[in-house]
C-alpha atoms as a PDB file:
ATOM      1  CA  MET A   1      15.746  34.198  65.132  1.00  0.00           C
ATOM      2  CA  TYR A   2      13.315  34.696  67.989  1.00  0.00           C
ATOM      3  CA  SER A   3      14.865  36.333  71.089  1.00  0.00           C
ATOM      4  CA  GLY A   4      12.070  36.915  73.281  1.00  0.00           C
ATOM      5  CA  THR A   5      11.094  35.565  76.725  1.00  0.00           C
ATOM      6  CA  ASN A   6       7.822  33.828  75.881  1.00  0.00           C
ATOM      7  CA  PRO A   7       8.264  30.410  77.665  1.00  0.00           C
ATOM      8  CA  SER A   8       6.369  28.475  75.065  1.00  0.00           C
ATOM      9  CA  ALA A   9       8.446  29.934  72.259  1.00  0.00           C
ATOM     10  CA  ILE A  10      11.661  29.022  74.022  1.00  0.00           C
ATOM     11  CA  ARG A  11      10.557  25.621  74.662  1.00  0.00           C
ATOM     12  CA  SER A  12       9.714  25.315  70.901  1.00  0.00           C
ATOM     13  CA  GLN A  13      12.981  26.666  69.975  1.00  0.00           C
ATOM     14  CA  LYS A  14      14.708  23.858  71.963  1.00  0.00           C
ATOM     15  CA  TRP A  15      12.437  21.194  70.500  1.00  0.00           C
ATOM     16  CA  ILE A  16      13.330  22.398  66.966  1.00  0.00           C
ATOM     17  CA  ARG A  17      17.133  22.357  67.879  1.00  0.00           C
ATOM     18  CA  ASP A  18      16.811  18.965  69.423  1.00  0.00           C
ATOM     19  CA  SER A  19      14.960  17.813  66.263  1.00  0.00           C
ATOM     20  CA  LEU A  20      17.660  19.016  63.978  1.00  0.00           C
ATOM     21  CA  LEU A  21      20.486  17.625  66.043  1.00  0.00           C
ATOM     22  CA  GLN A  22      18.669  14.221  65.901  1.00  0.00           C
ATOM     23  CA  LEU A  23      18.169  14.357  62.315  1.00  0.00           C
ATOM     24  CA  LEU A  24      21.834  15.233  61.723  1.00  0.00           C
ATOM     25  CA  GLU A  25      22.758  11.786  63.275  1.00  0.00           C
ATOM     26  CA  GLU A  26      20.684  10.277  60.584  1.00  0.00           C
ATOM     27  CA  LYS A  27      21.425  12.175  57.398  1.00  0.00           C
ATOM     28  CA  PRO A  28      23.408  15.002  55.894  1.00  0.00           C
ATOM     29  CA  TYR A  29      22.458  18.682  56.646  1.00  0.00           C
ATOM     30  CA  LYS A  30      21.717  19.509  53.085  1.00  0.00           C
ATOM     31  CA  LYS A  31      19.165  16.685  52.987  1.00  0.00           C
ATOM     32  CA  ILE A  32      17.226  17.738  56.110  1.00  0.00           C
ATOM     33  CA  SER A  33      14.110  19.916  55.217  1.00  0.00           C
ATOM     34  CA  ILE A  34      12.229  22.365  57.367  1.00  0.00           C
ATOM     35  CA  LYS A  35       9.185  20.018  57.073  1.00  0.00           C
ATOM     36  CA  GLU A  36      11.179  17.153  58.673  1.00  0.00           C
ATOM     37  CA  ILE A  37      12.422  19.352  61.386  1.00  0.00           C
ATOM     38  CA  SER A  38       8.779  20.490  62.079  1.00  0.00           C
ATOM     39  CA  ASP A  39       7.508  16.976  61.929  1.00  0.00           C
ATOM     40  CA  LYS A  40       9.961  15.635  64.333  1.00  0.00           C
ATOM     41  CA  SER A  41       9.462  18.533  66.763  1.00  0.00           C
ATOM     42  CA  ASP A  42       5.730  17.988  66.538  1.00  0.00           C
ATOM     43  CA  LEU A  43       5.311  21.794  65.694  1.00  0.00           C
ATOM     44  CA  ALA A  44       3.779  23.459  62.651  1.00  0.00           C
ATOM     45  CA  ARG A  45       6.001  24.932  59.936  1.00  0.00           C
ATOM     46  CA  GLN A  46       4.583  28.215  60.690  1.00  0.00           C
ATOM     47  CA  THR A  47       5.875  27.855  64.248  1.00  0.00           C
ATOM     48  CA  PHE A  48       9.285  27.108  62.836  1.00  0.00           C
ATOM     49  CA  TYR A  49       9.310  30.363  60.817  1.00  0.00           C
ATOM     50  CA  GLN A  50       8.083  32.401  63.663  1.00  0.00           C
ATOM     51  CA  LEU A  51      11.170  31.207  65.646  1.00  0.00           C
ATOM     52  CA  PHE A  52      13.887  30.674  63.006  1.00  0.00           C
ATOM     53  CA  ASP A  53      14.534  31.975  59.435  1.00  0.00           C
ATOM     54  CA  SER A  54      16.582  28.933  58.423  1.00  0.00           C
ATOM     55  CA  LYS A  55      18.208  25.639  59.452  1.00  0.00           C
ATOM     56  CA  GLU A  56      21.450  27.638  59.882  1.00  0.00           C
ATOM     57  CA  GLU A  57      19.843  29.839  62.417  1.00  0.00           C
ATOM     58  CA  ILE A  58      19.151  26.592  64.455  1.00  0.00           C
ATOM     59  CA  ILE A  59      22.911  25.881  64.402  1.00  0.00           C
ATOM     60  CA  GLU A  60      23.642  29.451  65.470  1.00  0.00           C
ATOM     61  CA  TYR A  61      20.988  29.114  68.320  1.00  0.00           C
ATOM     62  CA  HIS A  62      22.848  25.771  69.512  1.00  0.00           C
ATOM     63  CA  LEU A  63      26.223  27.492  69.356  1.00  0.00           C
ATOM     64  CA  ASP A  64      24.983  30.611  71.363  1.00  0.00           C
ATOM     65  CA  SER A  65      23.916  28.164  74.042  1.00  0.00           C
ATOM     66  CA  LEU A  66      27.277  26.367  73.989  1.00  0.00           C
ATOM     67  CA  PHE A  67      29.269  29.565  74.104  1.00  0.00           C
ATOM     68  CA  GLN A  68      27.128  30.795  76.948  1.00  0.00           C
ATOM     69  CA  GLU A  69      28.035  27.509  78.752  1.00  0.00           C
ATOM     70  CA  TYR A  70      31.812  28.165  77.862  1.00  0.00           C
ATOM     71  CA  LEU A  71      31.736  31.672  79.263  1.00  0.00           C
ATOM     72  CA  LEU A  72      30.272  30.462  82.497  1.00  0.00           C
ATOM     73  CA  GLU A  73      32.843  27.913  82.831  1.00  0.00           C
ATOM     74  CA  VAL A  74      35.641  30.249  82.035  1.00  0.00           C
ATOM     75  CA  GLN A  75      34.172  32.687  84.464  1.00  0.00           C
ATOM     76  CA  ASN A  76      33.550  30.133  87.339  1.00  0.00           C
ATOM     77  CA  LEU A  77      37.098  28.667  87.136  1.00  0.00           C
ATOM     78  CA  GLU A  78      38.650  32.255  87.106  1.00  0.00           C
ATOM     79  CA  VAL A  79      41.098  31.366  84.336  1.00  0.00           C
ATOM     80  CA  ALA A  80      44.201  33.453  84.528  1.00  0.00           C
ATOM     81  CA  THR A  81      46.606  32.155  81.831  1.00  0.00           C
ATOM     82  CA  THR A  82      46.250  31.428  78.006  1.00  0.00           C
ATOM     83  CA  VAL A  83      47.184  27.806  78.723  1.00  0.00           C
ATOM     84  CA  GLU A  84      44.272  27.324  81.109  1.00  0.00           C
ATOM     85  CA  LEU A  85      41.970  29.243  78.789  1.00  0.00           C
ATOM     86  CA  ALA A  86      43.050  26.988  75.748  1.00  0.00           C
ATOM     87  CA  ARG A  87      42.779  23.898  77.805  1.00  0.00           C
ATOM     88  CA  ILE A  88      39.231  24.726  78.843  1.00  0.00           C
ATOM     89  CA  TYR A  89      38.448  25.488  75.170  1.00  0.00           C
ATOM     90  CA  PHE A  90      39.557  21.997  73.968  1.00  0.00           C
ATOM     91  CA  VAL A  91      37.992  20.193  76.794  1.00  0.00           C
ATOM     92  CA  PHE A  92      34.722  21.900  76.361  1.00  0.00           C
ATOM     93  CA  PHE A  93      34.668  21.192  72.651  1.00  0.00           C
ATOM     94  CA  GLN A  94      35.817  17.576  73.114  1.00  0.00           C
ATOM     95  CA  ASN A  95      32.762  17.220  75.461  1.00  0.00           C
ATOM     96  CA  ASN A  96      30.662  18.410  72.640  1.00  0.00           C
ATOM     97  CA  GLY A  97      32.562  16.324  70.161  1.00  0.00           C
ATOM     98  CA  GLU A  98      29.566  14.870  68.431  1.00  0.00           C
ATOM     99  CA  PHE A  99      28.126  18.190  67.425  1.00  0.00           C
ATOM    100  CA  ILE A 100      31.496  19.428  66.317  1.00  0.00           C
ATOM    101  CA  ASP A 101      31.934  16.162  64.171  1.00  0.00           C
ATOM    102  CA  GLN A 102      28.553  17.013  62.669  1.00  0.00           C
ATOM    103  CA  LEU A 103      29.646  20.571  61.827  1.00  0.00           C
ATOM    104  CA  ILE A 104      32.950  19.270  60.199  1.00  0.00           C
ATOM    105  CA  GLN A 105      31.084  16.482  58.243  1.00  0.00           C
ATOM    106  CA  ASN A 106      28.407  18.851  56.977  1.00  0.00           C
ATOM    107  CA  ASP A 107      30.763  21.775  55.970  1.00  0.00           C
ATOM    108  CA  LEU A 108      29.268  24.011  58.596  1.00  0.00           C
ATOM    109  CA  ILE A 109      32.506  25.072  60.436  1.00  0.00           C
ATOM    110  CA  HIS A 110      31.973  28.713  59.002  1.00  0.00           C
ATOM    111  CA  ILE A 111      29.133  29.062  61.534  1.00  0.00           C
ATOM    112  CA  LEU A 112      31.342  27.975  64.479  1.00  0.00           C
ATOM    113  CA  ASN A 113      33.931  30.383  63.224  1.00  0.00           C
ATOM    114  CA  GLN A 114      31.390  33.380  63.034  1.00  0.00           C
ATOM    115  CA  LYS A 115      30.122  32.549  66.523  1.00  0.00           C
ATOM    116  CA  PHE A 116      33.549  32.365  68.004  1.00  0.00           C
ATOM    117  CA  PHE A 117      34.477  35.600  66.300  1.00  0.00           C
ATOM    118  CA  PHE A 118      31.424  37.150  67.909  1.00  0.00           C
ATOM    119  CA  TYR A 119      32.099  35.559  71.450  1.00  0.00           C
ATOM    120  CA  LEU A 120      35.766  36.446  71.494  1.00  0.00           C
ATOM    121  CA  GLY A 121      35.222  39.875  72.814  1.00  0.00           C
ATOM    122  CA  GLU A 122      33.069  38.431  75.636  1.00  0.00           C
ATOM    123  CA  ILE A 123      35.629  35.997  76.325  1.00  0.00           C
ATOM    124  CA  HIS A 124      38.141  38.742  76.784  1.00  0.00           C
ATOM    125  CA  THR A 125      35.940  40.565  78.844  1.00  0.00           C
ATOM    126  CA  VAL A 126      35.177  37.607  81.279  1.00  0.00           C
ATOM    127  CA  LEU A 127      39.035  37.354  81.765  1.00  0.00           C
ATOM    128  CA  HIS A 128      39.068  41.077  82.722  1.00  0.00           C
ATOM    129  CA  HIS A 129      41.535  41.990  80.015  1.00  0.00           C
ATOM    130  CA  THR A 130      41.619  45.578  79.011  1.00  0.00           C
ATOM    131  CA  LEU A 131      43.411  45.171  75.793  1.00  0.00           C
ATOM    132  CA  ASN A 132      41.775  46.606  72.842  1.00  0.00           C
ATOM    133  CA  ILE A 133      41.769  43.786  70.248  1.00  0.00           C
ATOM    134  CA  THR A 134      40.953  44.970  66.803  1.00  0.00           C
ATOM    135  CA  GLU A 135      38.505  43.110  64.673  1.00  0.00           C
ATOM    136  CA  TYR A 136      41.412  41.958  62.442  1.00  0.00           C
ATOM    137  CA  ALA A 137      43.163  40.360  65.308  1.00  0.00           C
ATOM    138  CA  SER A 138      39.876  38.842  66.538  1.00  0.00           C
ATOM    139  CA  ALA A 139      39.323  37.294  63.028  1.00  0.00           C
ATOM    140  CA  PHE A 140      42.834  36.028  63.015  1.00  0.00           C
ATOM    141  CA  ILE A 141      42.569  34.442  66.556  1.00  0.00           C
ATOM    142  CA  SER A 142      39.016  32.913  66.011  1.00  0.00           C
ATOM    143  CA  SER A 143      39.871  31.486  62.672  1.00  0.00           C
ATOM    144  CA  GLY A 144      43.124  30.086  63.994  1.00  0.00           C
ATOM    145  CA  LEU A 145      41.577  28.559  67.060  1.00  0.00           C
ATOM    146  CA  VAL A 146      38.616  27.176  65.062  1.00  0.00           C
ATOM    147  CA  GLY A 147      41.174  25.806  62.435  1.00  0.00           C
ATOM    148  CA  ILE A 148      43.229  24.111  65.056  1.00  0.00           C
ATOM    149  CA  LEU A 149      40.080  22.609  66.723  1.00  0.00           C
ATOM    150  CA  VAL A 150      38.994  21.301  63.399  1.00  0.00           C
ATOM    151  CA  TYR A 151      42.366  19.838  62.462  1.00  0.00           C
ATOM    152  CA  TRP A 152      42.521  18.227  65.925  1.00  0.00           C
ATOM    153  CA  PHE A 153      39.140  16.576  65.440  1.00  0.00           C
ATOM    154  CA  LYS A 154      40.182  15.383  61.921  1.00  0.00           C
ATOM    155  CA  GLN A 155      43.379  13.909  63.521  1.00  0.00           C
ATOM    156  CA  ASN A 156      41.039  12.091  65.820  1.00  0.00           C
ATOM    157  CA  ARG A 157      42.299  14.146  68.681  1.00  0.00           C
ATOM    158  CA  GLN A 158      45.536  12.524  68.874  1.00  0.00           C
ATOM    159  CA  MET A 159      47.568  15.331  70.387  1.00  0.00           C
ATOM    160  CA  PRO A 160      46.981  15.332  74.325  1.00  0.00           C
ATOM    161  CA  ILE A 161      44.812  18.618  75.368  1.00  0.00           C
ATOM    162  CA  ASP A 162      47.507  19.839  77.753  1.00  0.00           C
ATOM    163  CA  GLN A 163      50.149  19.726  74.808  1.00  0.00           C
ATOM    164  CA  LEU A 164      47.645  21.433  72.554  1.00  0.00           C
ATOM    165  CA  ALA A 165      46.965  24.091  75.151  1.00  0.00           C
ATOM    166  CA  VAL A 166      50.603  24.922  75.503  1.00  0.00           C
ATOM    167  CA  LEU A 167      50.985  24.975  71.751  1.00  0.00           C
ATOM    168  CA  ILE A 168      48.090  27.507  71.533  1.00  0.00           C
ATOM    169  CA  SER A 169      49.677  29.613  74.338  1.00  0.00           C
ATOM    170  CA  ASP A 170      53.062  29.709  72.489  1.00  0.00           C
ATOM    171  CA  ILE A 171      51.303  30.674  69.129  1.00  0.00           C
ATOM    172  CA  LEU A 172      49.459  33.534  70.903  1.00  0.00           C
ATOM    173  CA  SER A 173      52.326  34.814  72.916  1.00  0.00           C
ATOM    174  CA  PRO A 174      54.222  37.825  71.461  1.00  0.00           C
ATOM    175  CA  PHE A 175      57.273  36.743  69.608  1.00  0.00           C
ATOM    176  CA  PRO A 176      60.269  37.668  71.814  1.00  0.00           C
ATOM    177  CA  ASN A 177      62.873  38.705  69.123  1.00  0.00           C
ATOM    178  CA  SER A 178      60.612  40.107  66.532  1.00  0.00           C
ATOM    179  CA  GLN A 179      61.643  43.400  64.846  1.00  0.00           C
ATOM    180  CA  ARG A 180      59.323  45.583  62.970  1.00  0.00           C
END
């Protein structure tokens, strides 16, 4: 995936992303071709391949921008508790619900899970936590949070966000009476 600073390339990446997102509203991900994305974005296929290696990279690109937004929100609100962080998480993804629904419908949640795993360390840093979370713990937490998000979406978001945030906080809190 292109990661330079050329304004024309960055603009083209956004056009390609927007084209894929529009096409996802019309048809399943597996039936969308690179040619269709290129045509819809009014760019040559060659331009597509200069910027992305695959359709999956477009999804990753979009998730990167969503997680950057999320990190800014967490930082600007100076989140202090797990409940607050979980609340922001669910509100944020509810506000991006159409895209999350598309990921679920097209069996692309694994990409969200990979990105959440990647960004979990940055979220931790933004919160100014100094705990050293192992990769295993990160994998557990990211998979769990994405799993709950997907389940919540599949249940038509019936549980109120505040209740869900408390549930997440309870799950992530150390067990008070546990023995090893």
